[in-house]
Amino acid sequence: MNLDGPGSDEVRQYILDNAAMWLSDFHVDGLRLDAVHALRDERAVHILEDLASLADGIEAETGVPKTLIAESDLNNPRLIYRRDTNGYGLEGQWSDDFHHAVHVNLTGETAGYYADFDSLGALAKVLEHGFFHDGSYSSFRGRHHGRPIRPGLVHPAALVVCNQNHDQIGNRAAGDRLSSSLSYGRLALAAVLTMTSPFTPMLFMGEEFGASTPWQFFTSHPEEWLAEATAKGRLKEFERMGWDPRWCRTPKTRRPSNAPSSSGRKRTTAITPDYWNSTGRLRTSGARRRS
C-alpha cells in the first residue's frame, strides 16, 4: 500500500474517505484497524494519526463517541498517546503480551514466541506495566522489542487484552481452543485474569459458553501461486512453533470451524455464561470501589 511515495495523496484520501463513510454515513461506533504493524508510512504525519483526527472531527460534529482500536504487535505506546503529546491519538491497541503470558502459565506451552513468557514474573510484569517486551530482548524476533508505557500519558484501559482470539486460535495448526485441553479451574482462572485486569477485556466467539470446537485458518484462493505462498508461510510458522505440518492446506480445516459449539465439553468443565456474568460483576464492583 502506497502511503508515502509519489501518488500517495490519493491513496491516503481514499482510506480516509472510506473511514468517514463508515463512521459518519453508516453511524458505526468505531473501527478495528487490522495489522497496523504492517503499514509502511514515513510521512511526518502517520496515516493512523490522520485517521484519529478524522474520527475526532466526526465525534465533535455529531456528539457521538468514535473509537479507533489498533491491532498491533509493535508494543509501541505512541499509538495510544494523545496527539498533543506526540502520539497518534488512537483510543486503544492490542497487548498480545497479556495473551502470551496467560497462555504459557496455564498451558505450559513454551515454543516459538511463547518462550520469553515462561514465568509468573512475565504475567506480573504485563499486569503491572501493560507490555512484557517494553524494550527487552525478544528471543523469537532475535532483537530487542517494544517500548515502556508512560502511565501518566495513557489509561490502562487503552490496552485491549484476551486469552483467546481469532489469530491466536486460528493460527494454531489444529485451531484448538483452551477449552479443548484445560480443566475448569484453569479456564476459570483465564476468565478471571482477563475480566479483572486493568485493561479492556475481549472475548473470542464461543468463549462465553465454553465452546470446544476448533477455529482453524482456512482459505480457498483460486490463484495457485497465492495458495502456494500462503501454505509456505504457514509451514514456516508451524516449524517455528513446533506444530504438526499435516494441518496445512487440507479441506478438513474448514468443516469443523463453521460454528462454535460446546457439545464436546462436559457440563462440569465448561465455562458458562453465568460465570462470565459473575466476572463482569466483579469487574464493575472493583471499578466502583476504585472510583
Protein backbone atom coordinates (compact mmCIF):
# COMPACT_ATOMS: atom_id res chain seq x y z
CA MET A 1 0.00 0.00 0.00
CA ASN A 2 1.50 3.30 -1.11
CA LEU A 3 1.14 5.57 1.93
CA ASP A 4 4.18 7.78 1.49
CA GLY A 5 5.51 7.55 -2.07
CA PRO A 6 4.70 9.51 -5.23
CA GLY A 7 0.94 9.46 -5.83
CA SER A 8 0.20 8.53 -2.21
CA ASP A 9 -2.02 11.57 -1.58
CA GLU A 10 -4.87 9.91 -3.46
CA VAL A 11 -4.32 6.59 -1.69
CA ARG A 12 -4.47 8.19 1.73
CA GLN A 13 -7.55 10.22 0.82
CA TYR A 14 -9.28 7.06 -0.37
CA ILE A 15 -8.59 5.43 3.01
CA LEU A 16 -9.80 8.47 4.93
CA ASP A 17 -12.93 8.80 2.79
CA ASN A 18 -13.74 5.14 3.39
CA ALA A 19 -13.34 5.52 7.16
CA ALA A 20 -15.51 8.65 7.10
CA MET A 21 -18.22 6.73 5.24
CA TRP A 22 -18.41 4.09 7.99
CA LEU A 23 -18.12 6.48 10.91
CA SER A 24 -20.41 9.20 9.58
CA ASP A 25 -22.74 7.89 6.86
CA PHE A 26 -23.29 4.45 8.39
CA HIS A 27 -23.05 5.58 12.04
CA VAL A 28 -20.71 2.81 13.24
CA ASP A 29 -19.27 3.38 16.71
CA GLY A 30 -15.68 2.73 15.72
CA LEU A 31 -13.18 0.74 13.72
CA ARG A 32 -10.69 -2.01 14.48
CA LEU A 33 -7.62 -1.29 12.36
CA ASP A 34 -6.11 -4.58 11.25
CA ALA A 35 -2.38 -5.35 11.46
CA VAL A 36 -1.18 -1.75 11.66
CA HIS A 37 2.35 -3.04 12.25
CA ALA A 38 2.38 -3.88 8.53
CA LEU A 39 1.73 -0.27 7.48
CA ARG A 40 4.78 1.44 6.00
CA ASP A 41 4.43 5.20 6.32
CA GLU A 42 7.43 7.51 6.64
CA ARG A 43 5.47 10.75 6.40
CA ALA A 44 5.72 13.30 9.20
CA VAL A 45 2.02 12.68 9.93
CA HIS A 46 1.28 8.95 10.02
CA ILE A 47 -1.91 7.63 8.39
CA LEU A 48 -3.06 6.43 11.84
CA GLU A 49 -2.81 9.96 13.17
CA ASP A 50 -4.82 11.19 10.20
CA LEU A 51 -7.49 8.57 10.91
CA ALA A 52 -7.63 9.55 14.59
CA SER A 53 -8.00 13.22 13.65
CA LEU A 54 -10.81 12.30 11.27
CA ALA A 55 -12.64 10.28 13.93
CA ASP A 56 -12.28 13.07 16.48
CA GLY A 57 -13.68 15.56 13.99
CA ILE A 58 -16.73 13.40 13.31
CA GLU A 59 -17.21 12.91 17.06
CA ALA A 60 -17.09 16.67 17.65
CA GLU A 61 -19.56 17.27 14.83
CA THR A 62 -22.08 14.58 15.81
CA GLY A 63 -21.60 14.34 19.57
CA VAL A 64 -21.28 10.56 19.21
CA PRO A 65 -18.05 8.95 20.52
CA LYS A 66 -15.98 7.28 17.81
CA THR A 67 -13.42 4.66 18.82
CA LEU A 68 -10.37 3.52 16.84
CA ILE A 69 -8.56 0.41 18.08
CA ALA A 70 -5.33 -0.83 16.50
CA GLU A 71 -4.36 -4.46 16.18
CA SER A 72 -0.61 -4.09 16.66
CA ASP A 73 2.26 -6.24 17.85
CA LEU A 74 4.71 -3.34 17.91
CA ASN A 75 4.32 -2.71 21.66
CA ASN A 76 4.57 0.98 20.78
CA PRO A 77 2.56 3.17 23.17
CA ARG A 78 2.81 6.10 20.78
CA LEU A 79 -0.27 4.70 19.04
CA ILE A 80 -2.42 5.50 22.08
CA TYR A 81 -0.74 8.66 23.37
CA ARG A 82 -2.66 11.88 22.73
CA ARG A 83 -1.63 13.86 19.68
CA ASP A 84 -0.64 16.82 21.87
CA THR A 85 2.00 14.53 23.44
CA ASN A 86 3.34 13.43 20.04
CA GLY A 87 1.13 10.35 19.86
CA TYR A 88 -1.25 9.15 17.17
CA GLY A 89 -4.35 9.57 19.35
CA LEU A 90 -5.99 6.16 18.95
CA GLU A 91 -8.30 5.00 21.74
CA GLY A 92 -6.85 1.51 22.06
CA GLN A 93 -4.38 -1.09 20.89
CA TRP A 94 -3.72 -4.79 21.39
CA SER A 95 -1.41 -6.15 24.08
CA ASP A 96 -0.57 -9.61 22.76
CA ASP A 97 1.86 -9.96 25.67
CA PHE A 98 -1.11 -10.43 28.02
CA HIS A 99 -2.36 -13.35 25.93
CA HIS A 100 1.09 -14.93 25.72
CA ALA A 101 1.73 -14.66 29.47
CA VAL A 102 -1.67 -16.13 30.38
CA HIS A 103 -1.38 -18.89 27.77
CA VAL A 104 2.09 -20.03 28.85
CA ASN A 105 1.30 -20.02 32.56
CA LEU A 106 -1.91 -22.03 32.07
CA THR A 107 -0.79 -24.47 29.35
CA GLY A 108 2.95 -24.81 29.87
CA GLU A 109 3.49 -24.30 26.13
CA THR A 110 6.81 -22.52 25.52
CA ALA A 111 7.63 -22.96 21.81
CA GLY A 112 8.21 -20.06 19.44
CA TYR A 113 7.03 -16.65 20.62
CA TYR A 114 5.83 -18.14 23.92
CA ALA A 115 9.40 -18.84 25.11
CA ASP A 116 10.02 -15.49 26.81
CA PHE A 117 6.82 -15.72 28.90
CA ASP A 118 7.79 -18.88 30.81
CA SER A 119 7.35 -17.49 34.33
CA LEU A 120 4.78 -15.94 36.61
CA GLY A 121 7.04 -12.91 36.62
CA ALA A 122 6.20 -12.33 32.97
CA LEU A 123 2.49 -12.28 33.79
CA ALA A 124 3.07 -9.99 36.76
CA LYS A 125 5.03 -7.56 34.59
CA VAL A 126 2.29 -7.44 31.96
CA LEU A 127 -0.40 -6.83 34.59
CA GLU A 128 1.62 -4.02 36.14
CA HIS A 129 3.10 -2.36 33.06
CA GLY A 130 0.92 -3.41 30.08
CA PHE A 131 3.72 -4.88 27.97
CA PHE A 132 6.28 -7.56 28.76
CA HIS A 133 8.52 -6.61 25.86
CA ASP A 134 8.97 -2.91 26.58
CA GLY A 135 12.46 -2.65 25.16
CA SER A 136 13.53 -6.08 26.39
CA TYR A 137 15.14 -8.78 24.25
CA SER A 138 12.70 -10.94 22.26
CA SER A 139 14.20 -14.36 21.57
CA PHE A 140 11.57 -15.03 18.88
CA ARG A 141 12.47 -11.86 16.97
CA GLY A 142 16.18 -12.06 17.72
CA ARG A 143 16.27 -8.42 18.81
CA HIS A 144 15.01 -6.00 21.44
CA HIS A 145 11.35 -5.12 21.08
CA GLY A 146 8.81 -2.60 22.33
CA ARG A 147 8.86 0.49 24.48
CA PRO A 148 7.68 1.25 28.05
CA ILE A 149 4.29 2.86 28.57
CA ARG A 150 4.38 6.15 30.45
CA PRO A 151 1.50 5.73 32.96
CA GLY A 152 0.74 9.44 33.16
CA LEU A 153 0.04 9.64 29.44
CA VAL A 154 -2.49 6.84 28.99
CA HIS A 155 -5.05 4.84 30.99
CA PRO A 156 -4.57 1.04 31.23
CA ALA A 157 -7.98 0.58 29.59
CA ALA A 158 -6.39 1.71 26.32
CA LEU A 159 -4.87 -1.77 26.07
CA VAL A 160 -7.20 -4.46 24.71
CA VAL A 161 -6.47 -7.97 26.02
CA CYS A 162 -7.79 -11.50 25.67
CA ASN A 163 -6.86 -15.07 26.49
CA GLN A 164 -8.05 -16.26 23.04
CA ASN A 165 -8.86 -14.59 19.71
CA HIS A 166 -9.23 -15.44 16.04
CA ASP A 167 -5.50 -15.03 15.39
CA GLN A 168 -4.13 -16.86 18.42
CA ILE A 169 -6.52 -19.78 17.91
CA GLY A 170 -6.81 -19.70 14.12
CA ASN A 171 -3.07 -19.57 13.56
CA ARG A 172 -2.53 -22.72 15.60
CA ALA A 173 -2.13 -25.86 13.49
CA ALA A 174 -5.26 -27.55 14.86
CA GLY A 175 -7.16 -24.36 15.75
CA ASP A 176 -7.65 -25.75 19.24
CA ARG A 177 -9.25 -23.57 21.90
CA LEU A 178 -8.16 -23.51 25.53
CA SER A 179 -11.42 -25.27 26.39
CA SER A 180 -10.33 -28.35 24.42
CA SER A 181 -7.47 -29.11 26.81
CA LEU A 182 -7.66 -27.13 30.06
CA SER A 183 -9.51 -28.03 33.23
CA TYR A 184 -12.41 -25.98 34.55
CA GLY A 185 -10.16 -24.41 37.17
CA ARG A 186 -7.64 -23.18 34.62
CA LEU A 187 -10.35 -21.91 32.28
CA ALA A 188 -11.92 -20.07 35.20
CA LEU A 189 -8.55 -18.55 36.05
CA ALA A 190 -8.11 -17.38 32.44
CA ALA A 191 -11.54 -15.74 32.59
CA VAL A 192 -10.85 -14.00 35.89
CA LEU A 193 -7.46 -12.71 34.74
CA THR A 194 -8.98 -11.35 31.55
CA MET A 195 -12.03 -9.76 33.13
CA THR A 196 -10.43 -8.25 36.23
CA SER A 197 -7.22 -6.87 34.73
CA PRO A 198 -6.96 -3.07 34.45
CA PHE A 199 -7.17 -3.43 30.66
CA THR A 200 -10.17 -3.68 28.32
CA PRO A 201 -11.21 -7.35 28.02
CA MET A 202 -12.18 -9.02 24.75
CA LEU A 203 -13.87 -12.43 24.41
CA PHE A 204 -13.48 -14.77 21.45
CA MET A 205 -16.68 -16.00 19.81
CA GLY A 206 -17.97 -19.06 21.65
CA GLU A 207 -15.75 -18.45 24.66
CA GLU A 208 -18.73 -17.11 26.60
CA PHE A 209 -20.36 -20.56 26.67
CA GLY A 210 -17.28 -22.77 26.69
CA ALA A 211 -17.14 -23.70 23.00
CA SER A 212 -14.72 -26.55 22.34
CA THR A 213 -14.97 -26.77 18.55
CA PRO A 214 -11.81 -25.67 16.70
CA TRP A 215 -11.36 -22.43 14.82
CA GLN A 216 -8.83 -23.12 12.08
CA PHE A 217 -7.21 -20.91 9.49
CA PHE A 218 -8.62 -21.83 6.08
CA THR A 219 -8.51 -20.31 2.59
CA SER A 220 -9.72 -21.14 -0.92
CA HIS A 221 -7.52 -18.95 -3.10
CA PRO A 222 -8.29 -19.59 -6.79
CA GLU A 223 -4.80 -18.37 -7.68
CA GLU A 224 -2.41 -21.29 -7.27
CA TRP A 225 0.58 -19.02 -6.66
CA LEU A 226 -1.22 -17.30 -3.78
CA ALA A 227 -2.38 -20.59 -2.29
CA GLU A 228 1.18 -21.93 -2.50
CA ALA A 229 2.67 -18.79 -0.94
CA THR A 230 0.13 -18.95 1.90
CA ALA A 231 0.91 -22.62 2.51
CA LYS A 232 4.66 -21.97 2.58
CA GLY A 233 4.18 -19.15 5.07
CA ARG A 234 2.02 -21.35 7.27
CA LEU A 235 4.53 -24.21 7.17
CA LYS A 236 7.32 -21.86 8.17
CA GLU A 237 5.25 -20.66 11.13
CA PHE A 238 4.41 -24.25 12.11
CA GLU A 239 8.11 -25.10 12.16
CA ARG A 240 8.94 -22.22 14.49
CA MET A 241 6.09 -23.09 16.82
CA GLY A 242 6.60 -26.87 16.79
CA TRP A 243 3.18 -27.65 15.25
CA ASP A 244 2.12 -30.57 13.05
CA PRO A 245 2.52 -29.54 9.36
CA ARG A 246 -0.13 -32.01 8.19
CA TRP A 247 -2.84 -29.48 9.09
CA CYS A 248 -1.71 -27.11 6.35
CA ARG A 249 -3.82 -26.87 3.17
CA THR A 250 -6.39 -29.54 3.90
CA PRO A 251 -10.18 -29.18 3.38
CA LYS A 252 -10.59 -30.58 6.90
CA THR A 253 -9.62 -27.22 8.35
CA ARG A 254 -12.88 -25.55 7.34
CA ARG A 255 -15.61 -28.06 8.13
CA PRO A 256 -15.29 -28.20 11.94
CA SER A 257 -14.88 -24.42 12.14
CA ASN A 258 -18.32 -23.46 10.80
CA ALA A 259 -20.00 -22.66 14.11
CA PRO A 260 -18.77 -22.65 17.72
CA SER A 261 -20.25 -25.41 19.88
CA SER A 262 -19.75 -26.73 23.39
CA SER A 263 -21.16 -30.18 22.57
CA GLY A 264 -17.79 -31.82 23.15
CA ARG A 265 -17.43 -30.48 26.69
CA LYS A 266 -18.78 -31.92 29.90
CA ARG A 267 -21.01 -29.54 31.83
CA THR A 268 -18.65 -29.81 34.80
CA THR A 269 -15.70 -28.46 32.79
CA ALA A 270 -17.34 -25.85 30.55
CA ILE A 271 -17.28 -22.17 31.47
CA THR A 272 -20.88 -20.92 31.31
CA PRO A 273 -22.41 -17.51 30.55
CA ASP A 274 -23.32 -17.25 34.25
CA TYR A 275 -19.65 -17.46 35.15
CA TRP A 276 -18.76 -14.72 32.69
CA ASN A 277 -21.58 -12.59 34.11
CA SER A 278 -20.16 -13.05 37.60
CA THR A 279 -16.67 -11.97 36.48
CA GLY A 280 -18.26 -8.95 34.81
CA ARG A 281 -19.97 -8.00 38.06
CA LEU A 282 -16.66 -8.47 39.88
CA ARG A 283 -15.00 -6.12 37.41
CA THR A 284 -17.64 -3.40 37.73
CA SER A 285 -17.75 -3.63 41.53
CA GLY A 286 -13.98 -3.22 41.65
CA ALA A 287 -14.20 -0.19 39.39
CA ARG A 288 -16.80 1.40 41.66
CA ARG A 289 -14.60 0.87 44.72
CA ARG A 290 -11.60 2.47 42.98
CA SER A 291 -13.66 5.49 41.95
